[in-house]
Amino acid sequence: MFEENYCIKRIRELMEKNGYNTYRLAKQSGISLSTLSSMFENNTEPRIETLEKICSACNISIAQFFERSSRDLSPEQSRVLDVYDSLSSKDREMALSYMRFLSKNE
């Protein structure tokens, strides 16, 4: 059995985090189902254009895709980002609205 490359592992992590199966990721990203299936079955590195679409579908940047942790964040900031990343897109928008509200009231 072969070992998955980093990009494939990371895409699978993002799919799990976002509740996506291959079909849903294809729909959300605009990448064909056959392209994604082939990429996973053959353990091939995705092209940068494909990664950009996947990152967009998962609401992250390319930098976030490759950087799993930031040394510049405090533990509290890291925790906030972890919680934020686990939210649905609707809940993320509500959290951002709440934070904007709090920042105006200080």
PDB file of N, CA and C in Angstrom:
ATOM      1  N   MET A   1       0.848  -1.184   0.000  1.00  0.00           N
ATOM      2  CA  MET A   1       0.000   0.000   0.000  1.00  0.00           C
ATOM      3  C   MET A   1       0.890   1.244   0.000  1.00  0.00           C
ATOM      4  N   PHE A   2       0.484   2.270  -0.707  1.00  0.00           N
ATOM      5  CA  PHE A   2       1.275   3.484  -0.818  1.00  0.00           C
ATOM      6  C   PHE A   2       0.846   4.506   0.225  1.00  0.00           C
ATOM      7  N   GLU A   3       1.733   5.440   0.506  1.00  0.00           N
ATOM      8  CA  GLU A   3       1.435   6.519   1.436  1.00  0.00           C
ATOM      9  C   GLU A   3       0.910   7.724   0.661  1.00  0.00           C
ATOM     10  N   GLU A   4      -0.159   8.316   1.153  1.00  0.00           N
ATOM     11  CA  GLU A   4      -0.722   9.491   0.486  1.00  0.00           C
ATOM     12  C   GLU A   4       0.224  10.671   0.590  1.00  0.00           C
ATOM     13  N   ASN A   5       0.251  11.482  -0.460  1.00  0.00           N
ATOM     14  CA  ASN A   5       1.068  12.683  -0.410  1.00  0.00           C
ATOM     15  C   ASN A   5       0.401  13.734   0.474  1.00  0.00           C
ATOM     16  N   TYR A   6       1.160  14.751   0.820  1.00  0.00           N
ATOM     17  CA  TYR A   6       0.671  15.773   1.746  1.00  0.00           C
ATOM     18  C   TYR A   6      -0.614  16.430   1.259  1.00  0.00           C
ATOM     19  N   CYS A   7      -0.647  16.815  -0.007  1.00  0.00           N
ATOM     20  CA  CYS A   7      -1.824  17.534  -0.524  1.00  0.00           C
ATOM     21  C   CYS A   7      -3.083  16.680  -0.439  1.00  0.00           C
ATOM     22  N   ILE A   8      -2.975  15.421  -0.799  1.00  0.00           N
ATOM     23  CA  ILE A   8      -4.143  14.536  -0.741  1.00  0.00           C
ATOM     24  C   ILE A   8      -4.603  14.380   0.707  1.00  0.00           C
ATOM     25  N   LYS A   9      -3.658  14.179   1.619  1.00  0.00           N
ATOM     26  CA  LYS A   9      -4.019  14.071   3.045  1.00  0.00           C
ATOM     27  C   LYS A   9      -4.711  15.333   3.525  1.00  0.00           C
ATOM     28  N   ARG A  10      -4.158  16.481   3.158  1.00  0.00           N
ATOM     29  CA  ARG A  10      -4.711  17.759   3.609  1.00  0.00           C
ATOM     30  C   ARG A  10      -6.096  17.988   3.029  1.00  0.00           C
ATOM     31  N   ILE A  11      -6.299  17.629   1.768  1.00  0.00           N
ATOM     32  CA  ILE A  11      -7.624  17.775   1.154  1.00  0.00           C
ATOM     33  C   ILE A  11      -8.627  16.878   1.860  1.00  0.00           C
ATOM     34  N   ARG A  12      -8.225  15.670   2.172  1.00  0.00           N
ATOM     35  CA  ARG A  12      -9.132  14.761   2.907  1.00  0.00           C
ATOM     36  C   ARG A  12      -9.474  15.327   4.291  1.00  0.00           C
ATOM     37  N   GLU A  13      -8.495  15.924   4.969  1.00  0.00           N
ATOM     38  CA  GLU A  13      -8.761  16.561   6.266  1.00  0.00           C
ATOM     39  C   GLU A  13      -9.785  17.679   6.112  1.00  0.00           C
ATOM     40  N   LEU A  14      -9.602  18.507   5.095  1.00  0.00           N
ATOM     41  CA  LEU A  14     -10.531  19.615   4.861  1.00  0.00           C
ATOM     42  C   LEU A  14     -11.920  19.110   4.504  1.00  0.00           C
ATOM     43  N   MET A  15     -11.979  18.046   3.736  1.00  0.00           N
ATOM     44  CA  MET A  15     -13.275  17.459   3.382  1.00  0.00           C
ATOM     45  C   MET A  15     -13.994  16.982   4.644  1.00  0.00           C
ATOM     46  N   GLU A  16     -13.259  16.311   5.503  1.00  0.00           N
ATOM     47  CA  GLU A  16     -13.864  15.816   6.743  1.00  0.00           C
ATOM     48  C   GLU A  16     -14.330  16.977   7.617  1.00  0.00           C
ATOM     49  N   LYS A  17     -13.490  17.982   7.742  1.00  0.00           N
ATOM     50  CA  LYS A  17     -13.817  19.140   8.569  1.00  0.00           C
ATOM     51  C   LYS A  17     -15.066  19.870   8.063  1.00  0.00           C
ATOM     52  N   ASN A  18     -15.227  19.909   6.734  1.00  0.00           N
ATOM     53  CA  ASN A  18     -16.355  20.616   6.130  1.00  0.00           C
ATOM     54  C   ASN A  18     -17.551  19.714   5.836  1.00  0.00           C
ATOM     55  N   GLY A  19     -17.429  18.440   6.164  1.00  0.00           N
ATOM     56  CA  GLY A  19     -18.526  17.511   5.922  1.00  0.00           C
ATOM     57  C   GLY A  19     -18.743  17.216   4.440  1.00  0.00           C
ATOM     58  N   TYR A  20     -17.662  17.263   3.658  1.00  0.00           N
ATOM     59  CA  TYR A  20     -17.749  17.034   2.219  1.00  0.00           C
ATOM     60  C   TYR A  20     -17.369  15.602   1.875  1.00  0.00           C
ATOM     61  N   ASN A  21     -18.106  15.011   0.966  1.00  0.00           N
ATOM     62  CA  ASN A  21     -17.630  13.815   0.288  1.00  0.00           C
ATOM     63  C   ASN A  21     -17.079  14.287  -1.048  1.00  0.00           C
ATOM     64  N   THR A  22     -16.590  13.389  -1.868  1.00  0.00           N
ATOM     65  CA  THR A  22     -15.972  13.795  -3.135  1.00  0.00           C
ATOM     66  C   THR A  22     -16.976  14.525  -4.024  1.00  0.00           C
ATOM     67  N   TYR A  23     -18.199  14.026  -4.067  1.00  0.00           N
ATOM     68  CA  TYR A  23     -19.238  14.664  -4.887  1.00  0.00           C
ATOM     69  C   TYR A  23     -19.504  16.095  -4.416  1.00  0.00           C
ATOM     70  N   ARG A  24     -19.647  16.272  -3.117  1.00  0.00           N
ATOM     71  CA  ARG A  24     -19.934  17.607  -2.572  1.00  0.00           C
ATOM     72  C   ARG A  24     -18.772  18.572  -2.816  1.00  0.00           C
ATOM     73  N   LEU A  25     -17.539  18.089  -2.654  1.00  0.00           N
ATOM     74  CA  LEU A  25     -16.386  18.937  -2.930  1.00  0.00           C
ATOM     75  C   LEU A  25     -16.366  19.346  -4.400  1.00  0.00           C
ATOM     76  N   ALA A  26     -16.698  18.417  -5.274  1.00  0.00           N
ATOM     77  CA  ALA A  26     -16.750  18.731  -6.705  1.00  0.00           C
ATOM     78  C   ALA A  26     -17.764  19.838  -6.964  1.00  0.00           C
ATOM     79  N   LYS A  27     -18.931  19.727  -6.382  1.00  0.00           N
ATOM     80  CA  LYS A  27     -19.979  20.738  -6.568  1.00  0.00           C
ATOM     81  C   LYS A  27     -19.564  22.085  -5.990  1.00  0.00           C
ATOM     82  N   GLN A  28     -19.011  22.094  -4.788  1.00  0.00           N
ATOM     83  CA  GLN A  28     -18.636  23.337  -4.117  1.00  0.00           C
ATOM     84  C   GLN A  28     -17.459  24.034  -4.790  1.00  0.00           C
ATOM     85  N   SER A  29     -16.555  23.245  -5.367  1.00  0.00           N
ATOM     86  CA  SER A  29     -15.322  23.809  -5.924  1.00  0.00           C
ATOM     87  C   SER A  29     -15.386  24.075  -7.421  1.00  0.00           C
ATOM     88  N   GLY A  30     -16.324  23.429  -8.097  1.00  0.00           N
ATOM     89  CA  GLY A  30     -16.378  23.566  -9.548  1.00  0.00           C
ATOM     90  C   GLY A  30     -15.376  22.674 -10.263  1.00  0.00           C
ATOM     91  N   ILE A  31     -14.799  21.730  -9.550  1.00  0.00           N
ATOM     92  CA  ILE A  31     -13.874  20.760 -10.134  1.00  0.00           C
ATOM     93  C   ILE A  31     -14.689  19.527 -10.520  1.00  0.00           C
ATOM     94  N   SER A  32     -14.377  18.943 -11.654  1.00  0.00           N
ATOM     95  CA  SER A  32     -15.158  17.777 -12.072  1.00  0.00           C
ATOM     96  C   SER A  32     -14.943  16.614 -11.102  1.00  0.00           C
ATOM     97  N   LEU A  33     -15.993  15.836 -10.944  1.00  0.00           N
ATOM     98  CA  LEU A  33     -15.937  14.663 -10.071  1.00  0.00           C
ATOM     99  C   LEU A  33     -14.871  13.693 -10.570  1.00  0.00           C
ATOM    100  N   SER A  34     -14.753  13.546 -11.878  1.00  0.00           N
ATOM    101  CA  SER A  34     -13.747  12.622 -12.420  1.00  0.00           C
ATOM    102  C   SER A  34     -12.332  13.091 -12.103  1.00  0.00           C
ATOM    103  N   THR A  35     -12.091  14.397 -12.114  1.00  0.00           N
ATOM    104  CA  THR A  35     -10.767  14.928 -11.769  1.00  0.00           C
ATOM    105  C   THR A  35     -10.430  14.622 -10.320  1.00  0.00           C
ATOM    106  N   LEU A  36     -11.375  14.897  -9.419  1.00  0.00           N
ATOM    107  CA  LEU A  36     -11.129  14.620  -7.997  1.00  0.00           C
ATOM    108  C   LEU A  36     -10.947  13.130  -7.746  1.00  0.00           C
ATOM    109  N   SER A  37     -11.819  12.323  -8.325  1.00  0.00           N
ATOM    110  CA  SER A  37     -11.723  10.872  -8.121  1.00  0.00           C
ATOM    111  C   SER A  37     -10.387  10.338  -8.612  1.00  0.00           C
ATOM    112  N   SER A  38      -9.967  10.785  -9.781  1.00  0.00           N
ATOM    113  CA  SER A  38      -8.685  10.352 -10.335  1.00  0.00           C
ATOM    114  C   SER A  38      -7.529  10.788  -9.437  1.00  0.00           C
ATOM    115  N   MET A  39      -7.598  12.006  -8.946  1.00  0.00           N
ATOM    116  CA  MET A  39      -6.550  12.531  -8.067  1.00  0.00           C
ATOM    117  C   MET A  39      -6.423  11.668  -6.814  1.00  0.00           C
ATOM    118  N   PHE A  40      -7.568  11.307  -6.201  1.00  0.00           N
ATOM    119  CA  PHE A  40      -7.532  10.494  -4.990  1.00  0.00           C
ATOM    120  C   PHE A  40      -7.104   9.055  -5.290  1.00  0.00           C
ATOM    121  N   GLU A  41      -7.628   8.479  -6.358  1.00  0.00           N
ATOM    122  CA  GLU A  41      -7.316   7.085  -6.683  1.00  0.00           C
ATOM    123  C   GLU A  41      -5.852   6.899  -7.062  1.00  0.00           C
ATOM    124  N   ASN A  42      -5.296   7.859  -7.788  1.00  0.00           N
ATOM    125  CA  ASN A  42      -3.914   7.739  -8.267  1.00  0.00           C
ATOM    126  C   ASN A  42      -2.899   8.422  -7.364  1.00  0.00           C
ATOM    127  N   ASN A  43      -3.366   9.059  -6.287  1.00  0.00           N
ATOM    128  CA  ASN A  43      -2.490   9.752  -5.344  1.00  0.00           C
ATOM    129  C   ASN A  43      -1.602  10.767  -6.066  1.00  0.00           C
ATOM    130  N   THR A  44      -2.224  11.547  -6.948  1.00  0.00           N
ATOM    131  CA  THR A  44      -1.470  12.528  -7.724  1.00  0.00           C
ATOM    132  C   THR A  44      -1.588  13.912  -7.114  1.00  0.00           C
ATOM    133  N   GLU A  45      -0.514  14.672  -7.237  1.00  0.00           N
ATOM    134  CA  GLU A  45      -0.505  16.052  -6.744  1.00  0.00           C
ATOM    135  C   GLU A  45      -1.475  16.891  -7.576  1.00  0.00           C
ATOM    136  N   PRO A  46      -2.333  17.657  -6.932  1.00  0.00           N
ATOM    137  CA  PRO A  46      -3.231  18.528  -7.699  1.00  0.00           C
ATOM    138  C   PRO A  46      -2.475  19.726  -8.264  1.00  0.00           C
ATOM    139  N   ARG A  47      -2.983  20.263  -9.363  1.00  0.00           N
ATOM    140  CA  ARG A  47      -2.417  21.483  -9.924  1.00  0.00           C
ATOM    141  C   ARG A  47      -2.785  22.646  -9.009  1.00  0.00           C
ATOM    142  N   ILE A  48      -2.062  23.736  -9.119  1.00  0.00           N
ATOM    143  CA  ILE A  48      -2.308  24.892  -8.251  1.00  0.00           C
ATOM    144  C   ILE A  48      -3.720  25.439  -8.467  1.00  0.00           C
ATOM    145  N   GLU A  49      -4.212  25.411  -9.704  1.00  0.00           N
ATOM    146  CA  GLU A  49      -5.568  25.883  -9.983  1.00  0.00           C
ATOM    147  C   GLU A  49      -6.602  25.033  -9.243  1.00  0.00           C
ATOM    148  N   THR A  50      -6.340  23.748  -9.180  1.00  0.00           N
ATOM    149  CA  THR A  50      -7.231  22.836  -8.463  1.00  0.00           C
ATOM    150  C   THR A  50      -7.185  23.133  -6.968  1.00  0.00           C
ATOM    151  N   LEU A  51      -5.981  23.330  -6.428  1.00  0.00           N
ATOM    152  CA  LEU A  51      -5.849  23.664  -5.009  1.00  0.00           C
ATOM    153  C   LEU A  51      -6.556  24.970  -4.678  1.00  0.00           C
ATOM    154  N   GLU A  52      -6.441  25.956  -5.549  1.00  0.00           N
ATOM    155  CA  GLU A  52      -7.106  27.240  -5.316  1.00  0.00           C
ATOM    156  C   GLU A  52      -8.620  27.060  -5.227  1.00  0.00           C
ATOM    157  N   LYS A  53      -9.175  26.242  -6.098  1.00  0.00           N
ATOM    158  CA  LYS A  53     -10.625  25.989  -6.079  1.00  0.00           C
ATOM    159  C   LYS A  53     -11.037  25.237  -4.812  1.00  0.00           C
ATOM    160  N   ILE A  54     -10.229  24.271  -4.414  1.00  0.00           N
ATOM    161  CA  ILE A  54     -10.528  23.514  -3.191  1.00  0.00           C
ATOM    162  C   ILE A  54     -10.448  24.433  -1.979  1.00  0.00           C
ATOM    163  N   CYS A  55      -9.419  25.253  -1.921  1.00  0.00           N
ATOM    164  CA  CYS A  55      -9.284  26.190  -0.805  1.00  0.00           C
ATOM    165  C   CYS A  55     -10.464  27.154  -0.760  1.00  0.00           C
ATOM    166  N   SER A  56     -10.881  27.652  -1.896  1.00  0.00           N
ATOM    167  CA  SER A  56     -12.032  28.552  -1.953  1.00  0.00           C
ATOM    168  C   SER A  56     -13.288  27.857  -1.439  1.00  0.00           C
ATOM    169  N   ALA A  57     -13.487  26.615  -1.849  1.00  0.00           N
ATOM    170  CA  ALA A  57     -14.661  25.850  -1.398  1.00  0.00           C
ATOM    171  C   ALA A  57     -14.629  25.600   0.105  1.00  0.00           C
ATOM    172  N   CYS A  58     -13.436  25.563   0.675  1.00  0.00           N
ATOM    173  CA  CYS A  58     -13.275  25.312   2.117  1.00  0.00           C
ATOM    174  C   CYS A  58     -13.044  26.599   2.914  1.00  0.00           C
ATOM    175  N   ASN A  59     -13.149  27.744   2.238  1.00  0.00           N
ATOM    176  CA  ASN A  59     -12.991  29.054   2.872  1.00  0.00           C
ATOM    177  C   ASN A  59     -11.652  29.244   3.564  1.00  0.00           C
ATOM    178  N   ILE A  60     -10.592  28.800   2.894  1.00  0.00           N
ATOM    179  CA  ILE A  60      -9.244  29.029   3.410  1.00  0.00           C
ATOM    180  C   ILE A  60      -8.370  29.540   2.269  1.00  0.00           C
ATOM    181  N   SER A  61      -7.230  30.108   2.631  1.00  0.00           N
ATOM    182  CA  SER A  61      -6.270  30.564   1.623  1.00  0.00           C
ATOM    183  C   SER A  61      -5.290  29.434   1.308  1.00  0.00           C
ATOM    184  N   ILE A  62      -4.559  29.607   0.225  1.00  0.00           N
ATOM    185  CA  ILE A  62      -3.509  28.646  -0.113  1.00  0.00           C
ATOM    186  C   ILE A  62      -2.479  28.579   1.021  1.00  0.00           C
ATOM    187  N   ALA A  63      -2.163  29.737   1.597  1.00  0.00           N
ATOM    188  CA  ALA A  63      -1.211  29.762   2.715  1.00  0.00           C
ATOM    189  C   ALA A  63      -1.724  28.925   3.878  1.00  0.00           C
ATOM    190  N   GLN A  64      -3.008  29.032   4.188  1.00  0.00           N
ATOM    191  CA  GLN A  64      -3.580  28.236   5.270  1.00  0.00           C
ATOM    192  C   GLN A  64      -3.559  26.745   4.931  1.00  0.00           C
ATOM    193  N   PHE A  65      -3.695  26.428   3.659  1.00  0.00           N
ATOM    194  CA  PHE A  65      -3.655  25.031   3.243  1.00  0.00           C
ATOM    195  C   PHE A  65      -2.322  24.396   3.627  1.00  0.00           C
ATOM    196  N   PHE A  66      -1.227  25.137   3.397  1.00  0.00           N
ATOM    197  CA  PHE A  66       0.105  24.588   3.642  1.00  0.00           C
ATOM    198  C   PHE A  66       0.622  24.848   5.048  1.00  0.00           C
ATOM    199  N   GLU A  67       0.131  25.875   5.712  1.00  0.00           N
ATOM    200  CA  GLU A  67       0.600  26.202   7.066  1.00  0.00           C
ATOM    201  C   GLU A  67      -0.434  25.731   8.067  1.00  0.00           C
ATOM    202  N   ARG A  68      -0.097  24.712   8.827  1.00  0.00           N
ATOM    203  CA  ARG A  68      -1.046  24.131   9.779  1.00  0.00           C
ATOM    204  C   ARG A  68      -1.106  24.888  11.093  1.00  0.00           C
ATOM    205  N   SER A  69      -0.048  25.584  11.461  1.00  0.00           N
ATOM    206  CA  SER A  69      -0.074  26.343  12.701  1.00  0.00           C
ATOM    207  C   SER A  69       0.772  27.588  12.523  1.00  0.00           C
ATOM    208  N   SER A  70       0.449  28.591  13.276  1.00  0.00           N
ATOM    209  CA  SER A  70       1.209  29.832  13.186  1.00  0.00           C
ATOM    210  C   SER A  70       1.899  30.095  14.506  1.00  0.00           C
ATOM    211  N   ARG A  71       3.172  30.370  14.450  1.00  0.00           N
ATOM    212  CA  ARG A  71       3.929  30.644  15.661  1.00  0.00           C
ATOM    213  C   ARG A  71       3.612  32.033  16.223  1.00  0.00           C
ATOM    214  N   ASP A  72       2.956  32.868  15.428  1.00  0.00           N
ATOM    215  CA  ASP A  72       2.653  34.229  15.863  1.00  0.00           C
ATOM    216  C   ASP A  72       1.367  34.333  16.688  1.00  0.00           C
ATOM    217  N   LEU A  73       0.615  33.274  16.787  1.00  0.00           N
ATOM    218  CA  LEU A  73      -0.656  33.312  17.509  1.00  0.00           C
ATOM    219  C   LEU A  73      -0.478  32.878  18.957  1.00  0.00           C
ATOM    220  N   SER A  74      -1.219  33.550  19.833  1.00  0.00           N
ATOM    221  CA  SER A  74      -1.252  33.117  21.229  1.00  0.00           C
ATOM    222  C   SER A  74      -2.098  31.848  21.312  1.00  0.00           C
ATOM    223  N   PRO A  75      -2.026  31.118  22.406  1.00  0.00           N
ATOM    224  CA  PRO A  75      -2.876  29.933  22.555  1.00  0.00           C
ATOM    225  C   PRO A  75      -4.371  30.264  22.451  1.00  0.00           C
ATOM    226  N   GLU A  76      -4.766  31.426  22.988  1.00  0.00           N
ATOM    227  CA  GLU A  76      -6.177  31.820  22.915  1.00  0.00           C
ATOM    228  C   GLU A  76      -6.590  32.097  21.473  1.00  0.00           C
ATOM    229  N   GLN A  77      -5.706  32.763  20.710  1.00  0.00           N
ATOM    230  CA  GLN A  77      -6.010  33.045  19.312  1.00  0.00           C
ATOM    231  C   GLN A  77      -6.088  31.749  18.504  1.00  0.00           C
ATOM    232  N   SER A  78      -5.200  30.826  18.793  1.00  0.00           N
ATOM    233  CA  SER A  78      -5.237  29.541  18.101  1.00  0.00           C
ATOM    234  C   SER A  78      -6.544  28.812  18.388  1.00  0.00           C
ATOM    235  N   ARG A  79      -6.977  28.866  19.629  1.00  0.00           N
ATOM    236  CA  ARG A  79      -8.237  28.206  20.006  1.00  0.00           C
ATOM    237  C   ARG A  79      -9.417  28.844  19.280  1.00  0.00           C
ATOM    238  N   VAL A  80      -9.442  30.178  19.213  1.00  0.00           N
ATOM    239  CA  VAL A  80     -10.521  30.871  18.501  1.00  0.00           C
ATOM    240  C   VAL A  80     -10.548  30.436  17.036  1.00  0.00           C
ATOM    241  N   LEU A  81      -9.384  30.364  16.405  1.00  0.00           N
ATOM    242  CA  LEU A  81      -9.330  29.948  15.004  1.00  0.00           C
ATOM    243  C   LEU A  81      -9.749  28.491  14.828  1.00  0.00           C
ATOM    244  N   ASP A  82      -9.368  27.626  15.756  1.00  0.00           N
ATOM    245  CA  ASP A  82      -9.788  26.227  15.677  1.00  0.00           C
ATOM    246  C   ASP A  82     -11.306  26.109  15.758  1.00  0.00           C
ATOM    247  N   VAL A  83     -11.895  26.855  16.683  1.00  0.00           N
ATOM    248  CA  VAL A  83     -13.363  26.823  16.816  1.00  0.00           C
ATOM    249  C   VAL A  83     -14.005  27.393  15.556  1.00  0.00           C
ATOM    250  N   TYR A  84     -13.486  28.521  15.074  1.00  0.00           N
ATOM    251  CA  TYR A  84     -14.014  29.145  13.867  1.00  0.00           C
ATOM    252  C   TYR A  84     -13.961  28.184  12.682  1.00  0.00           C
ATOM    253  N   ASP A  85     -12.837  27.495  12.524  1.00  0.00           N
ATOM    254  CA  ASP A  85     -12.676  26.555  11.417  1.00  0.00           C
ATOM    255  C   ASP A  85     -13.672  25.401  11.481  1.00  0.00           C
ATOM    256  N   SER A  86     -14.128  25.068  12.676  1.00  0.00           N
ATOM    257  CA  SER A  86     -15.053  23.947  12.820  1.00  0.00           C
ATOM    258  C   SER A  86     -16.512  24.335  12.557  1.00  0.00           C
ATOM    259  N   LEU A  87     -16.773  25.634  12.396  1.00  0.00           N
ATOM    260  CA  LEU A  87     -18.142  26.110  12.201  1.00  0.00           C
ATOM    261  C   LEU A  87     -18.598  25.984  10.757  1.00  0.00           C
ATOM    262  N   SER A  88     -19.912  25.905  10.589  1.00  0.00           N
ATOM    263  CA  SER A  88     -20.476  25.959   9.243  1.00  0.00           C
ATOM    264  C   SER A  88     -20.332  27.387   8.720  1.00  0.00           C
ATOM    265  N   SER A  89     -20.509  27.583   7.433  1.00  0.00           N
ATOM    266  CA  SER A  89     -20.359  28.936   6.873  1.00  0.00           C
ATOM    267  C   SER A  89     -21.379  29.897   7.476  1.00  0.00           C
ATOM    268  N   LYS A  90     -22.580  29.422   7.755  1.00  0.00           N
ATOM    269  CA  LYS A  90     -23.607  30.274   8.381  1.00  0.00           C
ATOM    270  C   LYS A  90     -23.184  30.662   9.795  1.00  0.00           C
ATOM    271  N   ASP A  91     -22.681  29.700  10.556  1.00  0.00           N
ATOM    272  CA  ASP A  91     -22.235  29.978  11.923  1.00  0.00           C
ATOM    273  C   ASP A  91     -20.996  30.880  11.937  1.00  0.00           C
ATOM    274  N   ARG A  92     -20.140  30.731  10.920  1.00  0.00           N
ATOM    275  CA  ARG A  92     -18.971  31.608  10.823  1.00  0.00           C
ATOM    276  C   ARG A  92     -19.413  33.062  10.649  1.00  0.00           C
ATOM    277  N   GLU A  93     -20.389  33.267   9.793  1.00  0.00           N
ATOM    278  CA  GLU A  93     -20.880  34.634   9.567  1.00  0.00           C
ATOM    279  C   GLU A  93     -21.503  35.201  10.847  1.00  0.00           C
ATOM    280  N   MET A  94     -22.231  34.381  11.595  1.00  0.00           N
ATOM    281  CA  MET A  94     -22.812  34.846  12.860  1.00  0.00           C
ATOM    282  C   MET A  94     -21.712  35.182  13.861  1.00  0.00           C
ATOM    283  N   ALA A  95     -20.664  34.363  13.915  1.00  0.00           N
ATOM    284  CA  ALA A  95     -19.553  34.624  14.839  1.00  0.00           C
ATOM    285  C   ALA A  95     -18.855  35.928  14.470  1.00  0.00           C
ATOM    286  N   LEU A  96     -18.627  36.150  13.191  1.00  0.00           N
ATOM    287  CA  LEU A  96     -18.001  37.397  12.758  1.00  0.00           C
ATOM    288  C   LEU A  96     -18.871  38.601  13.093  1.00  0.00           C
ATOM    289  N   SER A  97     -20.180  38.475  12.886  1.00  0.00           N
ATOM    290  CA  SER A  97     -21.090  39.565  13.232  1.00  0.00           C
ATOM    291  C   SER A  97     -21.032  39.874  14.720  1.00  0.00           C
ATOM    292  N   TYR A  98     -20.986  38.832  15.529  1.00  0.00           N
ATOM    293  CA  TYR A  98     -20.920  39.017  16.976  1.00  0.00           C
ATOM    294  C   TYR A  98     -19.615  39.700  17.384  1.00  0.00           C
ATOM    295  N   MET A  99     -18.505  39.283  16.766  1.00  0.00           N
ATOM    296  CA  MET A  99     -17.220  39.907  17.091  1.00  0.00           C
ATOM    297  C   MET A  99     -17.191  41.374  16.663  1.00  0.00           C
ATOM    298  N   ARG A 100     -17.796  41.667  15.514  1.00  0.00           N
ATOM    299  CA  ARG A 100     -17.880  43.081  15.090  1.00  0.00           C
ATOM    300  C   ARG A 100     -18.704  43.896  16.086  1.00  0.00           C
ATOM    301  N   PHE A 101     -19.798  43.305  16.567  1.00  0.00           N
ATOM    302  CA  PHE A 101     -20.650  43.956  17.558  1.00  0.00           C
ATOM    303  C   PHE A 101     -19.861  44.221  18.835  1.00  0.00           C
ATOM    304  N   LEU A 102     -19.116  43.226  19.302  1.00  0.00           N
ATOM    305  CA  LEU A 102     -18.334  43.393  20.533  1.00  0.00           C
ATOM    306  C   LEU A 102     -17.261  44.461  20.374  1.00  0.00           C
ATOM    307  N   SER A 103     -16.613  44.522  19.231  1.00  0.00           N
ATOM    308  CA  SER A 103     -15.538  45.477  19.046  1.00  0.00           C
ATOM    309  C   SER A 103     -16.067  46.921  18.990  1.00  0.00           C
ATOM    310  N   LYS A 104     -17.292  47.116  18.585  1.00  0.00           N
ATOM    311  CA  LYS A 104     -17.890  48.450  18.532  1.00  0.00           C
ATOM    312  C   LYS A 104     -18.328  48.922  19.914  1.00  0.00           C
ATOM    313  N   ASN A 105     -18.547  47.987  20.822  1.00  0.00           N
ATOM    314  CA  ASN A 105     -19.057  48.332  22.155  1.00  0.00           C
ATOM    315  C   ASN A 105     -17.962  48.495  23.190  1.00  0.00           C
ATOM    316  N   GLU A 106     -16.714  48.472  22.787  1.00  0.00           N
ATOM    317  CA  GLU A 106     -15.628  48.647  23.776  1.00  0.00           C
ATOM    318  C   GLU A 106     -15.220  50.063  23.902  1.00  0.00           C
TER     319      GLU A 106
END
